[in-house]
Amino acid sequence: MRAFRKISKDKSAGIEGLPLQLMIMVVIAGVGTAILMGWMGSLSAPNGIDAVYSNPTEIVLNDNDHDGVFTKTGISITISVLDNNGDAVDGATVVLDGANIKTANGRQVHGMTDASGKVTFSGLSASQTGKSVGFITATVTKSGLGTDTSLTIPVVSE
């Protein structure tokens, strides 16, 4: 009968296959990484709303009758909207909220930008009680470009 050696005690061939397995794993990992990096390099940033500007950049309210309510009427605000390429965003919905801002008929302030990326709101009124500083937030939304709420217009009570 042939004498068989136990594999667990035969260490002579164990090291010979290990470097080959490691080299195969390194090559496969390198190729996989190269494929992923090539794919990711071809991706571009999605187009979105990049910048929202207002004119005026702040609104000052007064308490002319000394009742503690600071108000201003006849406010005009122009909002400009640009995308990632610096182009005007046409058809974006703009909503103004905060400091009790409303239209002349008491409704919420909202509108759509024109081809130049601007919307102008006229005849607005704003008020706040007892605060020294408040804010009006402009929320801009356009389908395919997302939503931007980064613009806040300070409202100062004097």
N, C-alpha and C. Protein backbone atom coordinates (compact mmCIF):
# COMPACT_ATOMS: atom_id res chain seq x y z
N MET A 1 0.83 -1.16 0.00
CA MET A 1 0.00 0.00 0.00
C MET A 1 0.89 1.24 0.00
N ARG A 2 0.42 2.21 -0.77
CA ARG A 2 1.19 3.45 -0.86
C ARG A 2 1.03 4.28 0.39
N ALA A 3 2.06 4.92 0.70
CA ALA A 3 1.99 5.79 1.87
C ALA A 3 1.55 7.18 1.42
N PHE A 4 0.42 7.61 1.93
CA PHE A 4 -0.07 8.95 1.60
C PHE A 4 0.31 9.91 2.71
N ARG A 5 0.78 11.06 2.26
CA ARG A 5 1.09 12.09 3.24
C ARG A 5 -0.16 12.93 3.49
N LYS A 6 -0.29 13.36 4.68
CA LYS A 6 -1.42 14.22 4.99
C LYS A 6 -1.16 15.61 4.40
N ILE A 7 -2.18 16.18 3.77
CA ILE A 7 -2.02 17.49 3.14
C ILE A 7 -1.74 18.56 4.18
N SER A 8 -2.34 18.43 5.34
CA SER A 8 -2.11 19.45 6.37
C SER A 8 -0.66 19.48 6.83
N LYS A 9 0.05 18.39 6.65
CA LYS A 9 1.45 18.36 7.07
C LYS A 9 2.40 18.62 5.90
N ASP A 10 1.88 18.67 4.65
CA ASP A 10 2.71 18.89 3.47
C ASP A 10 2.72 20.39 3.15
N LYS A 11 3.75 21.08 3.54
CA LYS A 11 3.85 22.52 3.34
C LYS A 11 4.70 22.88 2.13
N SER A 12 5.19 21.94 1.39
CA SER A 12 6.14 22.24 0.32
C SER A 12 5.48 22.96 -0.87
N ALA A 13 4.22 22.71 -1.21
CA ALA A 13 3.59 23.33 -2.37
C ALA A 13 2.65 24.47 -1.99
N GLY A 14 2.46 24.74 -0.74
CA GLY A 14 1.50 25.74 -0.30
C GLY A 14 1.85 27.15 -0.72
N ILE A 15 3.10 27.52 -0.75
CA ILE A 15 3.49 28.88 -1.06
C ILE A 15 3.53 29.14 -2.55
N GLU A 16 3.62 28.12 -3.37
CA GLU A 16 3.78 28.30 -4.81
C GLU A 16 2.51 28.86 -5.46
N GLY A 17 1.32 28.49 -5.03
CA GLY A 17 0.08 28.97 -5.65
C GLY A 17 -0.38 30.32 -5.12
N LEU A 18 0.07 30.72 -3.96
CA LEU A 18 -0.37 31.96 -3.34
C LEU A 18 0.01 33.20 -4.14
N PRO A 19 1.25 33.37 -4.59
CA PRO A 19 1.57 34.57 -5.37
C PRO A 19 0.77 34.67 -6.67
N LEU A 20 0.50 33.57 -7.31
CA LEU A 20 -0.29 33.58 -8.54
C LEU A 20 -1.72 34.06 -8.25
N GLN A 21 -2.32 33.60 -7.16
CA GLN A 21 -3.66 34.04 -6.80
C GLN A 21 -3.68 35.54 -6.49
N LEU A 22 -2.67 36.02 -5.78
CA LEU A 22 -2.60 37.44 -5.45
C LEU A 22 -2.45 38.28 -6.71
N MET A 23 -1.61 37.84 -7.66
CA MET A 23 -1.43 38.58 -8.90
C MET A 23 -2.73 38.64 -9.70
N ILE A 24 -3.47 37.56 -9.75
CA ILE A 24 -4.74 37.55 -10.47
C ILE A 24 -5.73 38.51 -9.82
N MET A 25 -5.80 38.51 -8.48
CA MET A 25 -6.70 39.41 -7.77
C MET A 25 -6.32 40.87 -8.00
N VAL A 26 -5.03 41.19 -8.00
CA VAL A 26 -4.57 42.56 -8.21
C VAL A 26 -4.91 43.01 -9.63
N VAL A 27 -4.71 42.16 -10.61
CA VAL A 27 -5.03 42.51 -12.00
C VAL A 27 -6.53 42.75 -12.16
N ILE A 28 -7.35 41.88 -11.61
CA ILE A 28 -8.80 42.04 -11.71
C ILE A 28 -9.25 43.32 -11.01
N ALA A 29 -8.72 43.59 -9.83
CA ALA A 29 -9.07 44.82 -9.11
C ALA A 29 -8.63 46.05 -9.89
N GLY A 30 -7.45 46.01 -10.49
CA GLY A 30 -6.96 47.14 -11.29
C GLY A 30 -7.82 47.40 -12.51
N VAL A 31 -8.21 46.35 -13.21
CA VAL A 31 -9.08 46.49 -14.38
C VAL A 31 -10.44 47.03 -13.97
N GLY A 32 -10.99 46.51 -12.88
CA GLY A 32 -12.29 46.99 -12.39
C GLY A 32 -12.23 48.45 -12.00
N THR A 33 -11.17 48.86 -11.33
CA THR A 33 -11.01 50.26 -10.94
C THR A 33 -10.88 51.15 -12.17
N ALA A 34 -10.11 50.71 -13.16
CA ALA A 34 -9.94 51.49 -14.39
C ALA A 34 -11.28 51.67 -15.12
N ILE A 35 -12.08 50.63 -15.15
CA ILE A 35 -13.40 50.72 -15.80
C ILE A 35 -14.28 51.72 -15.06
N LEU A 36 -14.32 51.64 -13.73
CA LEU A 36 -15.14 52.57 -12.94
C LEU A 36 -14.66 54.01 -13.09
N MET A 37 -13.37 54.24 -13.06
CA MET A 37 -12.84 55.60 -13.18
C MET A 37 -13.14 56.17 -14.57
N GLY A 38 -13.02 55.35 -15.60
CA GLY A 38 -13.36 55.81 -16.95
C GLY A 38 -14.82 56.16 -17.07
N TRP A 39 -15.68 55.36 -16.47
CA TRP A 39 -17.11 55.64 -16.50
C TRP A 39 -17.44 56.91 -15.73
N MET A 40 -16.84 57.08 -14.55
CA MET A 40 -17.12 58.26 -13.73
C MET A 40 -16.55 59.52 -14.37
N GLY A 41 -15.46 59.41 -15.10
CA GLY A 41 -14.87 60.57 -15.76
C GLY A 41 -15.76 61.13 -16.85
N SER A 42 -16.62 60.31 -17.42
CA SER A 42 -17.50 60.78 -18.49
C SER A 42 -18.77 61.42 -17.95
N LEU A 43 -19.00 61.35 -16.65
CA LEU A 43 -20.19 61.97 -16.06
C LEU A 43 -20.01 63.47 -15.97
N SER A 44 -21.07 64.21 -16.17
CA SER A 44 -21.02 65.66 -16.00
C SER A 44 -22.03 66.06 -14.94
N ALA A 45 -21.80 67.22 -14.35
CA ALA A 45 -22.70 67.71 -13.31
C ALA A 45 -24.06 68.02 -13.93
N PRO A 46 -25.13 67.68 -13.25
CA PRO A 46 -26.45 67.98 -13.80
C PRO A 46 -26.70 69.48 -13.80
N ASN A 47 -27.48 69.93 -14.77
CA ASN A 47 -27.82 71.34 -14.83
C ASN A 47 -28.83 71.64 -13.73
N GLY A 48 -28.66 72.75 -13.07
CA GLY A 48 -29.56 73.11 -11.98
C GLY A 48 -29.54 74.60 -11.75
N ILE A 49 -30.33 75.05 -10.80
CA ILE A 49 -30.36 76.46 -10.43
C ILE A 49 -29.10 76.75 -9.63
N ASP A 50 -28.32 77.71 -10.10
CA ASP A 50 -27.04 78.00 -9.47
C ASP A 50 -27.09 79.26 -8.61
N ALA A 51 -27.72 80.31 -9.12
CA ALA A 51 -27.68 81.59 -8.41
C ALA A 51 -29.05 82.27 -8.48
N VAL A 52 -29.42 82.88 -7.36
CA VAL A 52 -30.66 83.66 -7.27
C VAL A 52 -30.29 84.99 -6.63
N TYR A 53 -30.64 86.08 -7.31
CA TYR A 53 -30.31 87.42 -6.83
C TYR A 53 -31.58 88.24 -6.66
N SER A 54 -31.51 89.26 -5.80
CA SER A 54 -32.66 90.15 -5.62
C SER A 54 -32.21 91.60 -5.71
N ASN A 55 -33.15 92.43 -6.12
CA ASN A 55 -32.96 93.87 -6.09
C ASN A 55 -34.27 94.46 -5.57
N PRO A 56 -34.30 95.09 -4.43
CA PRO A 56 -33.20 95.46 -3.55
C PRO A 56 -32.68 94.27 -2.74
N THR A 57 -31.52 94.47 -2.14
CA THR A 57 -30.91 93.40 -1.34
C THR A 57 -31.37 93.44 0.11
N GLU A 58 -32.06 94.51 0.52
CA GLU A 58 -32.65 94.59 1.86
C GLU A 58 -33.86 95.50 1.83
N ILE A 59 -34.74 95.32 2.81
CA ILE A 59 -35.95 96.13 2.92
C ILE A 59 -35.98 96.73 4.32
N VAL A 60 -36.28 98.02 4.40
CA VAL A 60 -36.33 98.72 5.69
C VAL A 60 -37.79 99.07 5.98
N LEU A 61 -38.26 98.65 7.18
CA LEU A 61 -39.62 98.93 7.62
C LEU A 61 -39.59 100.04 8.67
N ASN A 62 -40.67 100.83 8.73
CA ASN A 62 -40.76 101.91 9.71
C ASN A 62 -42.03 101.77 10.54
N ASP A 63 -41.96 102.29 11.77
CA ASP A 63 -43.12 102.33 12.67
C ASP A 63 -43.55 103.78 12.80
N ASN A 64 -44.20 104.30 11.78
CA ASN A 64 -44.56 105.72 11.75
C ASN A 64 -45.61 106.10 12.78
N ASP A 65 -46.52 105.17 13.11
CA ASP A 65 -47.57 105.51 14.08
C ASP A 65 -47.24 105.03 15.49
N HIS A 66 -46.04 104.51 15.71
CA HIS A 66 -45.53 104.10 17.03
C HIS A 66 -46.44 103.09 17.74
N ASP A 67 -47.00 102.15 16.98
CA ASP A 67 -47.83 101.11 17.58
C ASP A 67 -47.09 99.79 17.75
N GLY A 68 -45.81 99.76 17.43
CA GLY A 68 -45.01 98.54 17.57
C GLY A 68 -45.02 97.65 16.34
N VAL A 69 -45.80 98.03 15.32
CA VAL A 69 -45.84 97.26 14.08
C VAL A 69 -45.08 98.05 13.02
N PHE A 70 -44.01 97.44 12.53
CA PHE A 70 -43.18 98.08 11.50
C PHE A 70 -43.71 97.64 10.14
N THR A 71 -44.01 98.61 9.27
CA THR A 71 -44.62 98.29 7.98
C THR A 71 -43.97 99.08 6.85
N LYS A 72 -44.22 98.59 5.65
CA LYS A 72 -43.85 99.32 4.44
C LYS A 72 -44.75 98.81 3.32
N THR A 73 -45.26 99.74 2.52
CA THR A 73 -46.10 99.38 1.38
C THR A 73 -45.44 99.90 0.11
N GLY A 74 -45.92 99.43 -1.03
CA GLY A 74 -45.39 99.87 -2.31
C GLY A 74 -44.00 99.32 -2.60
N ILE A 75 -43.69 98.15 -2.07
CA ILE A 75 -42.37 97.54 -2.26
C ILE A 75 -42.31 96.89 -3.64
N SER A 76 -41.20 97.08 -4.34
CA SER A 76 -40.94 96.38 -5.61
C SER A 76 -39.69 95.54 -5.44
N ILE A 77 -39.79 94.27 -5.81
CA ILE A 77 -38.65 93.35 -5.70
C ILE A 77 -38.49 92.65 -7.05
N THR A 78 -37.25 92.62 -7.55
CA THR A 78 -36.93 91.88 -8.77
C THR A 78 -36.03 90.72 -8.40
N ILE A 79 -36.42 89.52 -8.81
CA ILE A 79 -35.64 88.31 -8.56
C ILE A 79 -35.06 87.83 -9.89
N SER A 80 -33.74 87.55 -9.91
CA SER A 80 -33.06 87.03 -11.10
C SER A 80 -32.57 85.62 -10.81
N VAL A 81 -32.76 84.70 -11.77
CA VAL A 81 -32.41 83.29 -11.58
C VAL A 81 -31.48 82.85 -12.71
N LEU A 82 -30.33 82.24 -12.33
CA LEU A 82 -29.35 81.74 -13.30
C LEU A 82 -29.08 80.26 -13.06
N ASP A 83 -28.75 79.53 -14.15
CA ASP A 83 -28.42 78.11 -14.01
C ASP A 83 -26.90 77.92 -13.86
N ASN A 84 -26.45 76.66 -13.87
CA ASN A 84 -25.02 76.35 -13.67
C ASN A 84 -24.13 76.94 -14.74
N ASN A 85 -24.67 77.18 -15.94
CA ASN A 85 -23.89 77.73 -17.04
C ASN A 85 -23.92 79.26 -17.05
N GLY A 86 -24.62 79.87 -16.12
CA GLY A 86 -24.74 81.32 -16.07
C GLY A 86 -25.83 81.85 -16.98
N ASP A 87 -26.65 80.96 -17.53
CA ASP A 87 -27.75 81.37 -18.41
C ASP A 87 -29.01 81.65 -17.59
N ALA A 88 -29.84 82.56 -18.10
CA ALA A 88 -31.10 82.89 -17.44
C ALA A 88 -32.03 81.69 -17.48
N VAL A 89 -32.78 81.50 -16.39
CA VAL A 89 -33.73 80.38 -16.30
C VAL A 89 -35.13 80.93 -16.59
N ASP A 90 -35.70 80.50 -17.70
CA ASP A 90 -37.03 80.93 -18.11
C ASP A 90 -38.08 79.98 -17.53
N GLY A 91 -39.16 80.50 -17.01
CA GLY A 91 -40.27 79.67 -16.53
C GLY A 91 -40.09 79.09 -15.15
N ALA A 92 -39.18 79.63 -14.35
CA ALA A 92 -39.01 79.16 -12.97
C ALA A 92 -40.07 79.82 -12.09
N THR A 93 -40.63 79.06 -11.17
CA THR A 93 -41.62 79.60 -10.24
C THR A 93 -40.89 80.17 -9.03
N VAL A 94 -41.21 81.42 -8.68
CA VAL A 94 -40.59 82.10 -7.55
C VAL A 94 -41.69 82.42 -6.53
N VAL A 95 -41.45 82.01 -5.27
CA VAL A 95 -42.40 82.28 -4.19
C VAL A 95 -41.64 83.02 -3.09
N LEU A 96 -42.19 84.15 -2.64
CA LEU A 96 -41.60 84.92 -1.53
C LEU A 96 -42.41 84.66 -0.27
N ASP A 97 -41.69 84.44 0.84
CA ASP A 97 -42.36 84.13 2.10
C ASP A 97 -41.56 84.73 3.25
N GLY A 98 -42.25 85.23 4.25
CA GLY A 98 -41.61 85.78 5.44
C GLY A 98 -41.92 87.26 5.59
N ALA A 99 -41.80 87.78 6.79
CA ALA A 99 -42.04 89.19 7.12
C ALA A 99 -43.43 89.64 6.66
N ASN A 100 -44.38 88.72 6.69
CA ASN A 100 -45.77 89.02 6.29
C ASN A 100 -45.85 89.70 4.93
N ILE A 101 -44.98 89.30 4.01
CA ILE A 101 -45.00 89.91 2.67
C ILE A 101 -46.21 89.40 1.91
N LYS A 102 -46.91 90.33 1.24
CA LYS A 102 -48.10 89.96 0.48
C LYS A 102 -48.35 90.97 -0.62
N THR A 103 -49.20 90.58 -1.55
CA THR A 103 -49.55 91.47 -2.65
C THR A 103 -50.54 92.52 -2.15
N ALA A 104 -50.88 93.46 -3.03
CA ALA A 104 -51.81 94.53 -2.65
C ALA A 104 -53.18 93.98 -2.26
N ASN A 105 -53.58 92.83 -2.83
CA ASN A 105 -54.87 92.25 -2.46
C ASN A 105 -54.75 91.19 -1.37
N GLY A 106 -53.60 91.13 -0.67
CA GLY A 106 -53.43 90.26 0.49
C GLY A 106 -53.07 88.82 0.18
N ARG A 107 -52.67 88.52 -1.05
CA ARG A 107 -52.34 87.14 -1.42
C ARG A 107 -50.84 86.88 -1.31
N GLN A 108 -50.51 85.58 -1.35
CA GLN A 108 -49.11 85.18 -1.31
C GLN A 108 -48.41 85.67 -2.57
N VAL A 109 -47.13 86.04 -2.42
CA VAL A 109 -46.37 86.58 -3.54
C VAL A 109 -45.73 85.43 -4.31
N HIS A 110 -46.09 85.31 -5.59
CA HIS A 110 -45.50 84.28 -6.45
C HIS A 110 -45.57 84.73 -7.90
N GLY A 111 -44.68 84.19 -8.72
CA GLY A 111 -44.65 84.53 -10.14
C GLY A 111 -43.68 83.63 -10.88
N MET A 112 -43.59 83.83 -12.21
CA MET A 112 -42.70 83.03 -13.05
C MET A 112 -41.69 83.95 -13.73
N THR A 113 -40.47 83.43 -13.88
CA THR A 113 -39.43 84.21 -14.54
C THR A 113 -39.69 84.27 -16.04
N ASP A 114 -39.23 85.37 -16.66
CA ASP A 114 -39.37 85.53 -18.11
C ASP A 114 -38.12 85.01 -18.81
N ALA A 115 -37.98 85.31 -20.10
CA ALA A 115 -36.85 84.81 -20.89
C ALA A 115 -35.51 85.34 -20.38
N SER A 116 -35.53 86.48 -19.69
CA SER A 116 -34.28 87.02 -19.13
C SER A 116 -33.99 86.47 -17.74
N GLY A 117 -34.83 85.54 -17.25
CA GLY A 117 -34.62 84.93 -15.94
C GLY A 117 -35.04 85.81 -14.79
N LYS A 118 -35.87 86.83 -15.07
CA LYS A 118 -36.27 87.78 -14.02
C LYS A 118 -37.77 87.78 -13.83
N VAL A 119 -38.17 88.07 -12.61
CA VAL A 119 -39.58 88.31 -12.29
C VAL A 119 -39.61 89.51 -11.35
N THR A 120 -40.51 90.45 -11.61
CA THR A 120 -40.63 91.66 -10.79
C THR A 120 -41.98 91.65 -10.10
N PHE A 121 -41.93 91.86 -8.79
CA PHE A 121 -43.15 91.96 -7.98
C PHE A 121 -43.28 93.42 -7.56
N SER A 122 -44.45 94.02 -7.81
CA SER A 122 -44.67 95.43 -7.46
C SER A 122 -45.88 95.54 -6.55
N GLY A 123 -45.93 96.65 -5.81
CA GLY A 123 -47.07 96.93 -4.94
C GLY A 123 -47.18 95.99 -3.75
N LEU A 124 -46.06 95.49 -3.27
CA LEU A 124 -46.06 94.56 -2.13
C LEU A 124 -46.07 95.33 -0.82
N SER A 125 -46.50 94.65 0.24
CA SER A 125 -46.42 95.22 1.58
C SER A 125 -45.79 94.18 2.50
N ALA A 126 -45.06 94.67 3.49
CA ALA A 126 -44.42 93.79 4.48
C ALA A 126 -44.60 94.42 5.85
N SER A 127 -44.65 93.56 6.87
CA SER A 127 -44.76 94.06 8.24
C SER A 127 -44.18 93.04 9.20
N GLN A 128 -43.74 93.54 10.33
CA GLN A 128 -43.29 92.66 11.42
C GLN A 128 -43.44 93.42 12.73
N THR A 129 -43.66 92.66 13.78
CA THR A 129 -43.91 93.25 15.09
C THR A 129 -42.75 92.97 16.02
N GLY A 130 -42.18 94.04 16.57
CA GLY A 130 -41.19 93.90 17.62
C GLY A 130 -39.85 93.33 17.23
N LYS A 131 -39.65 92.90 16.03
CA LYS A 131 -38.35 92.36 15.63
C LYS A 131 -37.49 93.48 15.07
N SER A 132 -36.20 93.34 15.25
CA SER A 132 -35.31 94.30 14.62
C SER A 132 -34.87 93.82 13.24
N VAL A 133 -34.77 92.49 13.07
CA VAL A 133 -34.39 91.93 11.78
C VAL A 133 -35.25 90.70 11.50
N GLY A 134 -35.79 90.64 10.30
CA GLY A 134 -36.52 89.47 9.83
C GLY A 134 -35.99 89.12 8.45
N PHE A 135 -36.57 88.12 7.83
CA PHE A 135 -36.08 87.70 6.52
C PHE A 135 -37.24 87.31 5.62
N ILE A 136 -37.05 87.59 4.33
CA ILE A 136 -37.94 87.10 3.28
C ILE A 136 -37.14 86.05 2.52
N THR A 137 -37.70 84.85 2.40
CA THR A 137 -37.03 83.76 1.70
C THR A 137 -37.64 83.61 0.32
N ALA A 138 -36.78 83.55 -0.70
CA ALA A 138 -37.23 83.30 -2.07
C ALA A 138 -37.02 81.82 -2.38
N THR A 139 -38.11 81.12 -2.69
CA THR A 139 -38.04 79.71 -3.09
C THR A 139 -38.23 79.66 -4.60
N VAL A 140 -37.23 79.13 -5.30
CA VAL A 140 -37.26 79.06 -6.77
C VAL A 140 -37.31 77.60 -7.18
N THR A 141 -38.27 77.24 -8.03
CA THR A 141 -38.44 75.86 -8.48
C THR A 141 -38.62 75.83 -9.99
N LYS A 142 -37.94 74.89 -10.62
CA LYS A 142 -38.11 74.67 -12.06
C LYS A 142 -37.97 73.18 -12.31
N SER A 143 -38.91 72.61 -13.03
CA SER A 143 -38.88 71.18 -13.34
C SER A 143 -37.60 70.85 -14.10
N GLY A 144 -36.89 69.84 -13.64
CA GLY A 144 -35.63 69.43 -14.26
C GLY A 144 -34.42 70.13 -13.70
N LEU A 145 -34.61 71.24 -12.99
CA LEU A 145 -33.49 71.98 -12.41
C LEU A 145 -33.49 71.95 -10.89
N GLY A 146 -34.58 71.53 -10.29
CA GLY A 146 -34.63 71.42 -8.83
C GLY A 146 -35.19 72.66 -8.17
N THR A 147 -34.90 72.77 -6.88
CA THR A 147 -35.40 73.86 -6.04
C THR A 147 -34.24 74.54 -5.35
N ASP A 148 -34.31 75.86 -5.22
CA ASP A 148 -33.28 76.64 -4.54
C ASP A 148 -33.95 77.55 -3.53
N THR A 149 -33.47 77.51 -2.29
CA THR A 149 -33.99 78.40 -1.24
C THR A 149 -32.86 79.21 -0.60
N SER A 150 -31.79 79.44 -1.34
CA SER A 150 -30.60 80.06 -0.76
C SER A 150 -30.74 81.57 -0.58
N LEU A 151 -31.67 82.22 -1.28
CA LEU A 151 -31.78 83.67 -1.19
C LEU A 151 -32.67 84.07 -0.02
N THR A 152 -32.09 84.84 0.90
CA THR A 152 -32.87 85.46 1.97
C THR A 152 -32.62 86.96 1.92
N ILE A 153 -33.70 87.71 1.93
CA ILE A 153 -33.62 89.17 1.88
C ILE A 153 -33.85 89.68 3.30
N PRO A 154 -32.86 90.38 3.88
CA PRO A 154 -33.05 90.91 5.24
C PRO A 154 -34.11 92.02 5.26
N VAL A 155 -34.94 91.97 6.31
CA VAL A 155 -35.96 92.99 6.53
C VAL A 155 -35.63 93.64 7.87
N VAL A 156 -35.27 94.92 7.83
CA VAL A 156 -34.79 95.63 9.02
C VAL A 156 -35.87 96.59 9.51
N SER A 157 -36.15 96.56 10.81
CA SER A 157 -37.11 97.49 11.42
C SER A 157 -36.35 98.65 12.02
N GLU A 158 -36.73 99.86 11.61
CA GLU A 158 -36.07 101.07 12.16
C GLU A 158 -37.07 101.92 12.90
